[in-house]
PDB file of N, CA and C in Angstrom:
ATOM      1  N   MET A   1      86.419 -60.749-241.475  1.00  0.00           N
ATOM      2  CA  MET A   1      87.045 -60.796-242.828  1.00  0.00           C
ATOM      3  C   MET A   1      86.581 -59.572-243.485  1.00  0.00           C
ATOM      4  N   THR A   2      87.540 -59.060-244.007  1.00  0.00           N
ATOM      5  CA  THR A   2      87.300 -57.842-245.009  1.00  0.00           C
ATOM      6  C   THR A   2      87.041 -58.266-246.321  1.00  0.00           C
ATOM      7  N   PRO A   3      86.457 -57.288-247.118  1.00  0.00           N
ATOM      8  CA  PRO A   3      86.233 -57.635-248.405  1.00  0.00           C
ATOM      9  C   PRO A   3      87.381 -58.004-249.310  1.00  0.00           C
ATOM     10  N   ASP A   4      88.500 -57.199-248.985  1.00  0.00           N
ATOM     11  CA  ASP A   4      89.811 -57.440-249.585  1.00  0.00           C
ATOM     12  C   ASP A   4      90.238 -58.857-249.284  1.00  0.00           C
ATOM     13  N   GLN A   5      90.189 -59.348-248.214  1.00  0.00           N
ATOM     14  CA  GLN A   5      90.530 -60.695-247.777  1.00  0.00           C
ATOM     15  C   GLN A   5      89.686 -61.803-248.649  1.00  0.00           C
ATOM     16  N   ALA A   6      88.419 -61.488-248.621  1.00  0.00           N
ATOM     17  CA  ALA A   6      87.528 -62.319-249.412  1.00  0.00           C
ATOM     18  C   ALA A   6      87.876 -62.475-250.868  1.00  0.00           C
ATOM     19  N   VAL A   7      88.119 -61.374-251.496  1.00  0.00           N
ATOM     20  CA  VAL A   7      88.516 -61.204-252.824  1.00  0.00           C
ATOM     21  C   VAL A   7      89.809 -61.978-253.006  1.00  0.00           C
ATOM     22  N   GLN A   8      90.872 -61.850-252.117  1.00  0.00           N
ATOM     23  CA  GLN A   8      92.060 -62.516-252.292  1.00  0.00           C
ATOM     24  C   GLN A   8      91.815 -64.078-252.252  1.00  0.00           C
ATOM     25  N   ILE A   9      91.075 -64.467-251.300  1.00  0.00           N
ATOM     26  CA  ILE A   9      90.846 -65.923-251.110  1.00  0.00           C
ATOM     27  C   ILE A   9      90.187 -66.480-252.550  1.00  0.00           C
ATOM     28  N   ALA A  10      89.111 -65.738-253.009  1.00  0.00           N
ATOM     29  CA  ALA A  10      88.469 -66.047-254.144  1.00  0.00           C
ATOM     30  C   ALA A  10      89.442 -66.097-255.427  1.00  0.00           C
ATOM     31  N   ARG A  11      90.299 -65.224-255.410  1.00  0.00           N
ATOM     32  CA  ARG A  11      91.296 -65.126-256.450  1.00  0.00           C
ATOM     33  C   ARG A  11      92.285 -66.297-256.527  1.00  0.00           C
ATOM     34  N   GLU A  12      92.736 -66.540-255.194  1.00  0.00           N
ATOM     35  CA  GLU A  12      93.587 -67.864-255.137  1.00  0.00           C
ATOM     36  C   GLU A  12      92.879 -69.091-255.425  1.00  0.00           C
ATOM     37  N   ALA A  13      91.615 -69.232-255.194  1.00  0.00           N
ATOM     38  CA  ALA A  13      90.724 -70.395-255.399  1.00  0.00           C
ATOM     39  C   ALA A  13      90.628 -70.526-256.915  1.00  0.00           C
ATOM     40  N   MET A  14      90.483 -69.430-257.569  1.00  0.00           N
ATOM     41  CA  MET A  14      90.378 -69.455-259.209  1.00  0.00           C
ATOM     42  C   MET A  14      91.509 -69.887-259.742  1.00  0.00           C
ATOM     43  N   ILE A  15      92.729 -69.389-259.425  1.00  0.00           N
ATOM     44  CA  ILE A  15      93.857 -69.703-259.881  1.00  0.00           C
ATOM     45  C   ILE A  15      94.259 -71.116-259.689  1.00  0.00           C
ATOM     46  N   VAL A  16      93.946 -71.763-258.511  1.00  0.00           N
ATOM     47  CA  VAL A  16      94.277 -72.991-258.202  1.00  0.00           C
ATOM     48  C   VAL A  16      93.243 -73.968-259.123  1.00  0.00           C
ATOM     49  N   THR A  17      92.048 -73.511-259.108  1.00  0.00           N
ATOM     50  CA  THR A  17      91.058 -74.236-260.107  1.00  0.00           C
ATOM     51  C   THR A  17      91.627 -74.309-261.635  1.00  0.00           C
ATOM     52  N   LEU A  18      92.100 -73.295-262.094  1.00  0.00           N
ATOM     53  CA  LEU A  18      92.733 -73.132-263.396  1.00  0.00           C
ATOM     54  C   LEU A  18      93.979 -74.104-263.523  1.00  0.00           C
ATOM     55  N   LEU A  19      94.775 -73.941-262.606  1.00  0.00           N
ATOM     56  CA  LEU A  19      95.955 -74.930-262.653  1.00  0.00           C
ATOM     57  C   LEU A  19      95.582 -76.324-262.544  1.00  0.00           C
ATOM     58  N   LEU A  20      94.604 -76.632-261.805  1.00  0.00           N
ATOM     59  CA  LEU A  20      94.255 -78.150-261.514  1.00  0.00           C
ATOM     60  C   LEU A  20      93.740 -78.624-262.911  1.00  0.00           C
ATOM     61  N   SER A  21      92.900 -77.769-263.568  1.00  0.00           N
ATOM     62  CA  SER A  21      92.158 -78.217-264.780  1.00  0.00           C
ATOM     63  C   SER A  21      93.068 -78.158-266.000  1.00  0.00           C
ATOM     64  N   ALA A  22      94.106 -77.488-266.046  1.00  0.00           N
ATOM     65  CA  ALA A  22      95.048 -77.237-267.218  1.00  0.00           C
ATOM     66  C   ALA A  22      95.588 -78.518-267.786  1.00  0.00           C
ATOM     67  N   PRO A  23      96.076 -79.503-267.065  1.00  0.00           N
ATOM     68  CA  PRO A  23      96.599 -80.525-267.764  1.00  0.00           C
ATOM     69  C   PRO A  23      95.759 -81.583-268.484  1.00  0.00           C
ATOM     70  N   MET A  24      94.494 -81.746-267.884  1.00  0.00           N
ATOM     71  CA  MET A  24      93.563 -82.494-268.641  1.00  0.00           C
ATOM     72  C   MET A  24      92.933 -81.906-269.658  1.00  0.00           C
ATOM     73  N   LEU A  25      92.691 -80.619-269.594  1.00  0.00           N
ATOM     74  CA  LEU A  25      92.131 -79.825-270.715  1.00  0.00           C
ATOM     75  C   LEU A  25      93.261 -79.616-271.923  1.00  0.00           C
ATOM     76  N   GLY A  26      94.416 -79.602-271.616  1.00  0.00           N
ATOM     77  CA  GLY A  26      95.647 -79.570-272.551  1.00  0.00           C
ATOM     78  C   GLY A  26      95.708 -80.903-273.392  1.00  0.00           C
ATOM     79  N   PHE A  27      95.678 -81.996-272.489  1.00  0.00           N
ATOM     80  CA  PHE A  27      95.715 -83.183-273.215  1.00  0.00           C
ATOM     81  C   PHE A  27      94.540 -83.450-274.200  1.00  0.00           C
ATOM     82  N   GLY A  28      93.542 -83.012-273.815  1.00  0.00           N
ATOM     83  CA  GLY A  28      92.157 -83.285-274.583  1.00  0.00           C
ATOM     84  C   GLY A  28      92.225 -82.356-275.690  1.00  0.00           C
ATOM     85  N   LEU A  29      92.776 -81.190-275.524  1.00  0.00           N
ATOM     86  CA  LEU A  29      92.828 -80.407-276.686  1.00  0.00           C
ATOM     87  C   LEU A  29      93.807 -80.930-277.865  1.00  0.00           C
ATOM     88  N   VAL A  30      94.945 -81.276-277.311  1.00  0.00           N
ATOM     89  CA  VAL A  30      95.960 -81.725-278.344  1.00  0.00           C
ATOM     90  C   VAL A  30      95.391 -82.971-278.922  1.00  0.00           C
ATOM     91  N   VAL A  31      94.823 -84.064-278.335  1.00  0.00           N
ATOM     92  CA  VAL A  31      94.338 -85.229-278.964  1.00  0.00           C
ATOM     93  C   VAL A  31      93.220 -84.854-279.923  1.00  0.00           C
ATOM     94  N   GLY A  32      92.272 -84.020-279.475  1.00  0.00           N
ATOM     95  CA  GLY A  32      91.124 -83.521-280.278  1.00  0.00           C
ATOM     96  C   GLY A  32      91.688 -82.839-281.553  1.00  0.00           C
ATOM     97  N   LEU A  33      92.814 -82.124-281.473  1.00  0.00           N
ATOM     98  CA  LEU A  33      93.373 -81.577-282.665  1.00  0.00           C
ATOM     99  C   LEU A  33      93.933 -82.696-283.568  1.00  0.00           C
ATOM    100  N   ILE A  34      94.694 -83.556-282.974  1.00  0.00           N
ATOM    101  CA  ILE A  34      95.315 -84.667-283.841  1.00  0.00           C
ATOM    102  C   ILE A  34      94.209 -85.412-284.543  1.00  0.00           C
ATOM    103  N   VAL A  35      93.045 -85.955-283.764  1.00  0.00           N
ATOM    104  CA  VAL A  35      92.046 -86.592-284.274  1.00  0.00           C
ATOM    105  C   VAL A  35      91.315 -85.748-285.431  1.00  0.00           C
ATOM    106  N   SER A  36      91.188 -84.522-285.282  1.00  0.00           N
ATOM    107  CA  SER A  36      90.545 -83.600-286.192  1.00  0.00           C
ATOM    108  C   SER A  36      91.364 -83.582-287.495  1.00  0.00           C
ATOM    109  N   ILE A  37      92.727 -83.505-287.373  1.00  0.00           N
ATOM    110  CA  ILE A  37      93.471 -83.569-288.596  1.00  0.00           C
ATOM    111  C   ILE A  37      93.473 -84.818-289.387  1.00  0.00           C
ATOM    112  N   PHE A  38      93.548 -86.022-288.410  1.00  0.00           N
ATOM    113  CA  PHE A  38      93.368 -87.141-289.122  1.00  0.00           C
ATOM    114  C   PHE A  38      92.058 -87.440-289.791  1.00  0.00           C
ATOM    115  N   GLN A  39      90.986 -86.846-289.351  1.00  0.00           N
ATOM    116  CA  GLN A  39      89.806 -87.019-289.971  1.00  0.00           C
ATOM    117  C   GLN A  39      89.806 -86.193-291.207  1.00  0.00           C
ATOM    118  N   ALA A  40      90.402 -85.032-291.153  1.00  0.00           N
ATOM    119  CA  ALA A  40      90.385 -83.970-292.324  1.00  0.00           C
ATOM    120  C   ALA A  40      91.235 -84.819-293.597  1.00  0.00           C
ATOM    121  N   VAL A  41      92.337 -85.494-293.187  1.00  0.00           N
ATOM    122  CA  VAL A  41      93.233 -86.057-294.011  1.00  0.00           C
ATOM    123  C   VAL A  41      92.483 -87.323-294.691  1.00  0.00           C
ATOM    124  N   THR A  42      91.885 -88.074-293.793  1.00  0.00           N
ATOM    125  CA  THR A  42      91.171 -89.321-294.468  1.00  0.00           C
ATOM    126  C   THR A  42      89.914 -89.249-294.656  1.00  0.00           C
ATOM    127  N   GLN A  43      89.239 -88.029-294.509  1.00  0.00           N
ATOM    128  CA  GLN A  43      87.956 -87.804-294.975  1.00  0.00           C
ATOM    129  C   GLN A  43      86.974 -88.732-294.209  1.00  0.00           C
ATOM    130  N   ILE A  44      87.319 -89.100-293.107  1.00  0.00           N
ATOM    131  CA  ILE A  44      86.376 -90.010-292.045  1.00  0.00           C
ATOM    132  C   ILE A  44      85.703 -89.006-291.267  1.00  0.00           C
ATOM    133  N   ASN A  45      84.282 -88.937-291.573  1.00  0.00           N
ATOM    134  CA  ASN A  45      83.471 -87.792-290.660  1.00  0.00           C
ATOM    135  C   ASN A  45      82.576 -88.582-289.849  1.00  0.00           C
ATOM    136  N   GLU A  46      83.286 -89.271-288.897  1.00  0.00           N
ATOM    137  CA  GLU A  46      82.525 -90.017-287.829  1.00  0.00           C
ATOM    138  C   GLU A  46      82.757 -89.146-286.501  1.00  0.00           C
ATOM    139  N   MET A  47      81.450 -88.750-286.104  1.00  0.00           N
ATOM    140  CA  MET A  47      81.516 -87.820-284.957  1.00  0.00           C
ATOM    141  C   MET A  47      81.992 -88.522-283.717  1.00  0.00           C
ATOM    142  N   THR A  48      81.650 -89.685-283.515  1.00  0.00           N
ATOM    143  CA  THR A  48      82.151 -90.518-282.323  1.00  0.00           C
ATOM    144  C   THR A  48      83.612 -90.965-282.266  1.00  0.00           C
ATOM    145  N   LEU A  49      84.171 -90.733-283.278  1.00  0.00           N
ATOM    146  CA  LEU A  49      85.739 -91.107-283.421  1.00  0.00           C
ATOM    147  C   LEU A  49      86.311 -90.315-282.324  1.00  0.00           C
ATOM    148  N   THR A  50      86.063 -89.104-282.157  1.00  0.00           N
ATOM    149  CA  THR A  50      86.775 -88.137-281.255  1.00  0.00           C
ATOM    150  C   THR A  50      86.681 -88.596-279.661  1.00  0.00           C
ATOM    151  N   PHE A  51      85.585 -89.012-279.357  1.00  0.00           N
ATOM    152  CA  PHE A  51      85.385 -89.211-277.864  1.00  0.00           C
ATOM    153  C   PHE A  51      86.188 -90.278-277.238  1.00  0.00           C
ATOM    154  N   ILE A  52      86.459 -91.340-277.813  1.00  0.00           N
ATOM    155  CA  ILE A  52      87.313 -92.444-277.187  1.00  0.00           C
ATOM    156  C   ILE A  52      88.743 -91.921-276.958  1.00  0.00           C
ATOM    157  N   PRO A  53      89.459 -91.328-277.972  1.00  0.00           N
ATOM    158  CA  PRO A  53      90.806 -90.879-277.710  1.00  0.00           C
ATOM    159  C   PRO A  53      90.963 -89.795-276.685  1.00  0.00           C
ATOM    160  N   LYS A  54      89.860 -88.880-276.715  1.00  0.00           N
ATOM    161  CA  LYS A  54      89.994 -87.655-275.774  1.00  0.00           C
ATOM    162  C   LYS A  54      89.629 -88.263-274.304  1.00  0.00           C
ATOM    163  N   ILE A  55      88.844 -89.307-274.234  1.00  0.00           N
ATOM    164  CA  ILE A  55      88.555 -89.849-272.715  1.00  0.00           C
ATOM    165  C   ILE A  55      89.967 -90.532-272.338  1.00  0.00           C
ATOM    166  N   ILE A  56      90.521 -91.232-273.210  1.00  0.00           N
ATOM    167  CA  ILE A  56      91.665 -91.924-272.775  1.00  0.00           C
ATOM    168  C   ILE A  56      92.846 -90.948-272.574  1.00  0.00           C
ATOM    169  N   ALA A  57      92.900 -89.977-273.243  1.00  0.00           N
ATOM    170  CA  ALA A  57      94.058 -88.897-272.972  1.00  0.00           C
ATOM    171  C   ALA A  57      93.624 -88.074-271.671  1.00  0.00           C
ATOM    172  N   VAL A  58      92.472 -87.810-271.384  1.00  0.00           N
ATOM    173  CA  VAL A  58      92.187 -87.113-270.201  1.00  0.00           C
ATOM    174  C   VAL A  58      92.460 -88.010-268.951  1.00  0.00           C
ATOM    175  N   ALA A  59      91.999 -89.347-268.980  1.00  0.00           N
ATOM    176  CA  ALA A  59      92.302 -90.242-268.044  1.00  0.00           C
ATOM    177  C   ALA A  59      93.884 -90.511-267.853  1.00  0.00           C
ATOM    178  N   LEU A  60      94.623 -90.505-268.995  1.00  0.00           N
ATOM    179  CA  LEU A  60      95.969 -90.649-268.732  1.00  0.00           C
ATOM    180  C   LEU A  60      96.621 -89.366-268.164  1.00  0.00           C
ATOM    181  N   ALA A  61      96.119 -88.209-268.529  1.00  0.00           N
ATOM    182  CA  ALA A  61      96.667 -86.892-267.908  1.00  0.00           C
ATOM    183  C   ALA A  61      96.247 -86.960-266.313  1.00  0.00           C
ATOM    184  N   LEU A  62      95.134 -87.499-266.020  1.00  0.00           N
ATOM    185  CA  LEU A  62      94.751 -87.495-264.619  1.00  0.00           C
ATOM    186  C   LEU A  62      95.631 -88.343-263.904  1.00  0.00           C
ATOM    187  N   ALA A  63      95.984 -89.677-264.505  1.00  0.00           N
ATOM    188  CA  ALA A  63      96.819 -90.498-263.734  1.00  0.00           C
ATOM    189  C   ALA A  63      98.333 -89.917-263.618  1.00  0.00           C
ATOM    190  N   ILE A  64      98.742 -89.293-264.644  1.00  0.00           N
ATOM    191  CA  ILE A  64     100.124 -88.787-264.560  1.00  0.00           C
ATOM    192  C   ILE A  64     100.243 -87.639-263.562  1.00  0.00           C
ATOM    193  N   PHE A  65      99.187 -86.815-263.539  1.00  0.00           N
ATOM    194  CA  PHE A  65      99.277 -85.492-262.642  1.00  0.00           C
ATOM    195  C   PHE A  65      98.633 -85.692-261.384  1.00  0.00           C
ATOM    196  N   LEU A  66      98.070 -86.891-261.081  1.00  0.00           N
ATOM    197  CA  LEU A  66      97.277 -86.957-259.833  1.00  0.00           C
ATOM    198  C   LEU A  66      98.002 -86.664-258.644  1.00  0.00           C
ATOM    199  N   PRO A  67      99.441 -87.053-258.428  1.00  0.00           N
ATOM    200  CA  PRO A  67     100.107 -86.658-257.271  1.00  0.00           C
ATOM    201  C   PRO A  67     100.341 -85.110-257.176  1.00  0.00           C
ATOM    202  N   TRP A  68     100.582 -84.489-258.259  1.00  0.00           N
ATOM    203  CA  TRP A  68     100.717 -83.042-258.300  1.00  0.00           C
ATOM    204  C   TRP A  68      99.359 -82.391-257.918  1.00  0.00           C
ATOM    205  N   LEU A  69      98.263 -82.889-258.466  1.00  0.00           N
ATOM    206  CA  LEU A  69      96.987 -82.371-258.187  1.00  0.00           C
ATOM    207  C   LEU A  69      96.683 -82.289-256.797  1.00  0.00           C
ATOM    208  N   ILE A  70      96.928 -83.504-256.141  1.00  0.00           N
ATOM    209  CA  ILE A  70      96.547 -83.689-254.692  1.00  0.00           C
ATOM    210  C   ILE A  70      97.507 -82.860-253.801  1.00  0.00           C
ATOM    211  N   GLN A  71      98.725 -82.590-254.208  1.00  0.00           N
ATOM    212  CA  GLN A  71      99.570 -81.736-253.334  1.00  0.00           C
ATOM    213  C   GLN A  71      99.299 -80.343-253.660  1.00  0.00           C
ATOM    214  N   THR A  72      98.779 -79.940-254.685  1.00  0.00           N
ATOM    215  CA  THR A  72      98.367 -78.585-254.806  1.00  0.00           C
ATOM    216  C   THR A  72      97.089 -78.377-253.887  1.00  0.00           C
ATOM    217  N   ILE A  73      96.164 -79.181-254.204  1.00  0.00           N
ATOM    218  CA  ILE A  73      94.971 -79.008-253.296  1.00  0.00           C
ATOM    219  C   ILE A  73      95.163 -78.954-251.839  1.00  0.00           C
ATOM    220  N   VAL A  74      96.207 -79.844-251.268  1.00  0.00           N
ATOM    221  CA  VAL A  74      96.553 -79.843-249.914  1.00  0.00           C
ATOM    222  C   VAL A  74      97.171 -78.503-249.495  1.00  0.00           C
ATOM    223  N   ASP A  75      98.160 -78.144-250.392  1.00  0.00           N
ATOM    224  CA  ASP A  75      98.771 -76.914-249.997  1.00  0.00           C
ATOM    225  C   ASP A  75      97.911 -75.733-249.975  1.00  0.00           C
ATOM    226  N   PHE A  76      96.969 -75.636-250.836  1.00  0.00           N
ATOM    227  CA  PHE A  76      96.022 -74.403-250.796  1.00  0.00           C
ATOM    228  C   PHE A  76      95.104 -74.508-249.506  1.00  0.00           C
ATOM    229  N   THR A  77      94.718 -75.698-249.280  1.00  0.00           N
ATOM    230  CA  THR A  77      93.747 -75.803-248.091  1.00  0.00           C
ATOM    231  C   THR A  77      94.608 -75.629-246.896  1.00  0.00           C
ATOM    232  N   THR A  78      95.862 -75.960-246.767  1.00  0.00           N
ATOM    233  CA  THR A  78      96.721 -75.839-245.585  1.00  0.00           C
ATOM    234  C   THR A  78      96.794 -74.360-245.381  1.00  0.00           C
ATOM    235  N   ASN A  79      97.235 -73.684-246.431  1.00  0.00           N
ATOM    236  CA  ASN A  79      97.511 -72.174-246.371  1.00  0.00           C
ATOM    237  C   ASN A  79      96.139 -71.504-246.002  1.00  0.00           C
ATOM    238  N   LEU A  80      95.057 -71.971-246.585  1.00  0.00           N
ATOM    239  CA  LEU A  80      93.726 -71.240-246.184  1.00  0.00           C
ATOM    240  C   LEU A  80      93.441 -71.539-244.611  1.00  0.00           C
ATOM    241  N   PHE A  81      93.736 -72.657-244.159  1.00  0.00           N
ATOM    242  CA  PHE A  81      93.368 -72.959-242.616  1.00  0.00           C
ATOM    243  C   PHE A  81      94.356 -72.168-241.815  1.00  0.00           C
ATOM    244  N   GLN A  82      95.670 -72.077-242.274  1.00  0.00           N
ATOM    245  CA  GLN A  82      96.573 -71.470-241.518  1.00  0.00           C
ATOM    246  C   GLN A  82      96.330 -69.919-241.414  1.00  0.00           C
ATOM    247  N   SER A  83      95.833 -69.391-242.548  1.00  0.00           N
ATOM    248  CA  SER A  83      95.474 -67.998-242.590  1.00  0.00           C
ATOM    249  C   SER A  83      94.199 -67.388-241.771  1.00  0.00           C
ATOM    250  N   LEU A  84      93.360 -68.526-241.365  1.00  0.00           N
ATOM    251  CA  LEU A  84      92.168 -68.334-240.632  1.00  0.00           C
ATOM    252  C   LEU A  84      92.281 -67.414-239.408  1.00  0.00           C
ATOM    253  N   PRO A  85      93.194 -67.763-238.456  1.00  0.00           N
ATOM    254  CA  PRO A  85      93.294 -66.865-237.352  1.00  0.00           C
ATOM    255  C   PRO A  85      93.820 -65.440-237.682  1.00  0.00           C
ATOM    256  N   ASN A  86      94.475 -65.165-238.830  1.00  0.00           N
ATOM    257  CA  ASN A  86      94.845 -63.821-239.150  1.00  0.00           C
ATOM    258  C   ASN A  86      93.696 -62.986-239.595  1.00  0.00           C
ATOM    259  N   MET A  87      92.669 -63.603-239.951  1.00  0.00           N
ATOM    260  CA  MET A  87      91.559 -62.786-240.541  1.00  0.00           C
ATOM    261  C   MET A  87      90.754 -62.015-239.411  1.00  0.00           C
ATOM    262  N   THR A  88      90.599 -60.831-239.684  1.00  0.00           N
ATOM    263  CA  THR A  88      89.859 -59.964-238.669  1.00  0.00           C
ATOM    264  C   THR A  88      88.426 -59.567-239.346  1.00  0.00           C
ATOM    265  N   MET A  89      87.626 -59.293-238.412  1.00  0.00           N
ATOM    266  CA  MET A  89      86.270 -58.883-238.719  1.00  0.00           C
ATOM    267  C   MET A  89      86.282 -57.442-239.208  1.00  0.00           C
TER     268      MET A  89
END
């Protein structure tokens, strides 16, 4: 395996990791922003109020995007295994 091939595999792995984490992070970000605005408007300064809605939002995003997440991981792994014979020392 050449250094260029190793860098290409690491690059693809990082991109897949970012793609897989984006839906959950996005849902958590939006819900956190909504809860923060709600807290600012109502002047409720309870720190634990943000955790439950964020956990529910991330779990919902995981449930919605789980088939896509699994397919993305399977595609990446399949492509990686198929490219193994083409790698030279």
